[in-house]
Amino acid sequence: ISKLQHEQAEEIIKHKDFDVNVTRPFYNHTVSLLELLANHTRDNVELIEYLLKQPGIEVKDDVVIELIAKNNQNLLRLFKKYKKIPKHLKKLI
């Protein structure tokens, strides 16, 4: 994404009334903002970290499984740092 788009996304995400668990339909399931950002890591690490810091953020198993499958160590470290890796998936890391 462009720098302007990144700045706009950051402004929206950091708004006090923004729902960090917002989702959108994608084929036969829903995708969270965290999942979308994690799948497009480049330039989104700050936004991902901001979301992970939020106490009410919901992390689906699929997001962590995808990170493990892609061996995305940078994001896995962030997920570990904020204790967002489900117990039953910790052994896979």
C-alpha atoms as a PDB file:
ATOM      1  CA  ILE A   1       0.000   0.000   0.000  1.00  0.00           C
ATOM      2  CA  SER A   2       1.080   3.564  -0.531  1.00  0.00           C
ATOM      3  CA  LYS A   3       2.334   5.745   2.298  1.00  0.00           C
ATOM      4  CA  LEU A   4      -0.885   7.765   2.170  1.00  0.00           C
ATOM      5  CA  GLN A   5      -3.045   4.626   2.366  1.00  0.00           C
ATOM      6  CA  HIS A   6      -0.946   3.386   5.287  1.00  0.00           C
ATOM      7  CA  GLU A   7      -1.388   6.696   7.117  1.00  0.00           C
ATOM      8  CA  GLN A   8      -5.136   6.654   6.474  1.00  0.00           C
ATOM      9  CA  ALA A   9      -5.420   3.048   7.681  1.00  0.00           C
ATOM     10  CA  GLU A  10      -3.429   3.884  10.802  1.00  0.00           C
ATOM     11  CA  GLU A  11      -5.671   6.868  11.547  1.00  0.00           C
ATOM     12  CA  ILE A  12      -8.797   4.710  11.207  1.00  0.00           C
ATOM     13  CA  ILE A  13      -7.448   1.763  13.209  1.00  0.00           C
ATOM     14  CA  LYS A  14      -6.241   3.980  16.051  1.00  0.00           C
ATOM     15  CA  HIS A  15      -9.551   5.841  16.344  1.00  0.00           C
ATOM     16  CA  LYS A  16     -11.034   5.348  19.818  1.00  0.00           C
ATOM     17  CA  ASP A  17     -14.301   3.906  18.444  1.00  0.00           C
ATOM     18  CA  PHE A  18     -12.712   1.451  16.012  1.00  0.00           C
ATOM     19  CA  ASP A  19     -13.614  -2.223  16.507  1.00  0.00           C
ATOM     20  CA  VAL A  20     -10.309  -4.133  16.352  1.00  0.00           C
ATOM     21  CA  ASN A  21     -12.221  -7.328  15.544  1.00  0.00           C
ATOM     22  CA  VAL A  22     -13.862  -5.977  12.409  1.00  0.00           C
ATOM     23  CA  THR A  23     -14.330  -8.623   9.705  1.00  0.00           C
ATOM     24  CA  ARG A  24     -15.418  -8.816   6.108  1.00  0.00           C
ATOM     25  CA  PRO A  25     -16.950 -11.644   4.102  1.00  0.00           C
ATOM     26  CA  PHE A  26     -14.503 -13.585   1.971  1.00  0.00           C
ATOM     27  CA  TYR A  27     -15.930 -16.439  -0.085  1.00  0.00           C
ATOM     28  CA  ASN A  28     -17.476 -18.856   2.414  1.00  0.00           C
ATOM     29  CA  HIS A  29     -16.020 -17.386   5.636  1.00  0.00           C
ATOM     30  CA  THR A  30     -15.134 -14.064   7.251  1.00  0.00           C
ATOM     31  CA  VAL A  31     -11.673 -12.540   7.437  1.00  0.00           C
ATOM     32  CA  SER A  32     -10.500 -10.257  10.236  1.00  0.00           C
ATOM     33  CA  LEU A  33      -8.430  -7.142   9.742  1.00  0.00           C
ATOM     34  CA  LEU A  34      -5.608  -8.804  11.672  1.00  0.00           C
ATOM     35  CA  GLU A  35      -5.699 -11.754   9.268  1.00  0.00           C
ATOM     36  CA  LEU A  36      -5.621  -9.471   6.222  1.00  0.00           C
ATOM     37  CA  LEU A  37      -2.686  -7.478   7.573  1.00  0.00           C
ATOM     38  CA  ALA A  38      -0.796 -10.634   8.585  1.00  0.00           C
ATOM     39  CA  ASN A  39      -1.164 -11.999   5.056  1.00  0.00           C
ATOM     40  CA  HIS A  40       0.254  -8.755   3.656  1.00  0.00           C
ATOM     41  CA  THR A  41       3.001  -8.169   6.196  1.00  0.00           C
ATOM     42  CA  ARG A  42       5.115  -5.693   4.271  1.00  0.00           C
ATOM     43  CA  ASP A  43       4.660  -2.199   5.716  1.00  0.00           C
ATOM     44  CA  ASN A  44       1.983  -3.438   8.122  1.00  0.00           C
ATOM     45  CA  VAL A  45       4.036  -4.613  11.097  1.00  0.00           C
ATOM     46  CA  GLU A  46       3.283  -1.467  13.129  1.00  0.00           C
ATOM     47  CA  LEU A  47      -0.455  -1.850  12.545  1.00  0.00           C
ATOM     48  CA  ILE A  48      -0.330  -5.563  13.381  1.00  0.00           C
ATOM     49  CA  GLU A  49       1.532  -4.808  16.606  1.00  0.00           C
ATOM     50  CA  TYR A  50      -0.999  -2.122  17.503  1.00  0.00           C
ATOM     51  CA  LEU A  51      -3.864  -4.604  17.024  1.00  0.00           C
ATOM     52  CA  LEU A  52      -2.082  -7.288  19.058  1.00  0.00           C
ATOM     53  CA  LYS A  53      -1.684  -4.835  21.948  1.00  0.00           C
ATOM     54  CA  GLN A  54      -5.444  -4.369  22.171  1.00  0.00           C
ATOM     55  CA  PRO A  55      -6.926  -6.374  25.061  1.00  0.00           C
ATOM     56  CA  GLY A  56     -10.077  -7.367  23.168  1.00  0.00           C
ATOM     57  CA  ILE A  57      -8.418  -8.587  19.963  1.00  0.00           C
ATOM     58  CA  GLU A  58      -9.539 -12.037  18.859  1.00  0.00           C
ATOM     59  CA  VAL A  59      -6.894 -14.150  17.141  1.00  0.00           C
ATOM     60  CA  LYS A  60      -8.202 -17.033  15.063  1.00  0.00           C
ATOM     61  CA  ASP A  61      -6.217 -20.255  14.950  1.00  0.00           C
ATOM     62  CA  ASP A  62      -6.070 -19.911  11.157  1.00  0.00           C
ATOM     63  CA  VAL A  63      -3.995 -16.732  11.423  1.00  0.00           C
ATOM     64  CA  VAL A  64      -1.348 -18.402  13.585  1.00  0.00           C
ATOM     65  CA  ILE A  65      -1.405 -21.602  11.509  1.00  0.00           C
ATOM     66  CA  GLU A  66      -0.751 -19.557   8.368  1.00  0.00           C
ATOM     67  CA  LEU A  67       2.186 -17.789  10.024  1.00  0.00           C
ATOM     68  CA  ILE A  68       3.631 -21.123  11.109  1.00  0.00           C
ATOM     69  CA  ALA A  69       3.157 -22.595   7.621  1.00  0.00           C
ATOM     70  CA  LYS A  70       4.906 -19.607   6.037  1.00  0.00           C
ATOM     71  CA  ASN A  71       7.593 -19.686   8.750  1.00  0.00           C
ATOM     72  CA  ASN A  72       7.008 -15.967   9.348  1.00  0.00           C
ATOM     73  CA  GLN A  73       9.313 -15.647  12.347  1.00  0.00           C
ATOM     74  CA  ASN A  74       8.973 -11.864  12.607  1.00  0.00           C
ATOM     75  CA  LEU A  75       5.226 -11.985  13.111  1.00  0.00           C
ATOM     76  CA  LEU A  76       5.380 -15.121  15.225  1.00  0.00           C
ATOM     77  CA  ARG A  77       7.704 -13.237  17.602  1.00  0.00           C
ATOM     78  CA  LEU A  78       5.153 -10.434  17.819  1.00  0.00           C
ATOM     79  CA  PHE A  79       2.309 -12.853  18.487  1.00  0.00           C
ATOM     80  CA  LYS A  80       4.430 -14.510  21.211  1.00  0.00           C
ATOM     81  CA  LYS A  81       5.347 -11.136  22.718  1.00  0.00           C
ATOM     82  CA  TYR A  82       1.673 -10.270  23.193  1.00  0.00           C
ATOM     83  CA  LYS A  83       0.709 -13.837  24.177  1.00  0.00           C
ATOM     84  CA  LYS A  84      -1.648 -14.308  21.237  1.00  0.00           C
ATOM     85  CA  ILE A  85      -0.632 -17.836  20.247  1.00  0.00           C
ATOM     86  CA  PRO A  86      -3.215 -20.405  21.362  1.00  0.00           C
ATOM     87  CA  LYS A  87      -1.804 -23.015  23.773  1.00  0.00           C
ATOM     88  CA  HIS A  88      -2.573 -25.908  21.478  1.00  0.00           C
ATOM     89  CA  LEU A  89      -0.452 -24.341  18.680  1.00  0.00           C
ATOM     90  CA  LYS A  90       2.585 -23.404  20.780  1.00  0.00           C
ATOM     91  CA  LYS A  91       4.170 -26.830  20.284  1.00  0.00           C
ATOM     92  CA  LEU A  92       4.269 -26.234  16.511  1.00  0.00           C
ATOM     93  CA  ILE A  93       6.560 -23.249  16.799  1.00  0.00           C
END
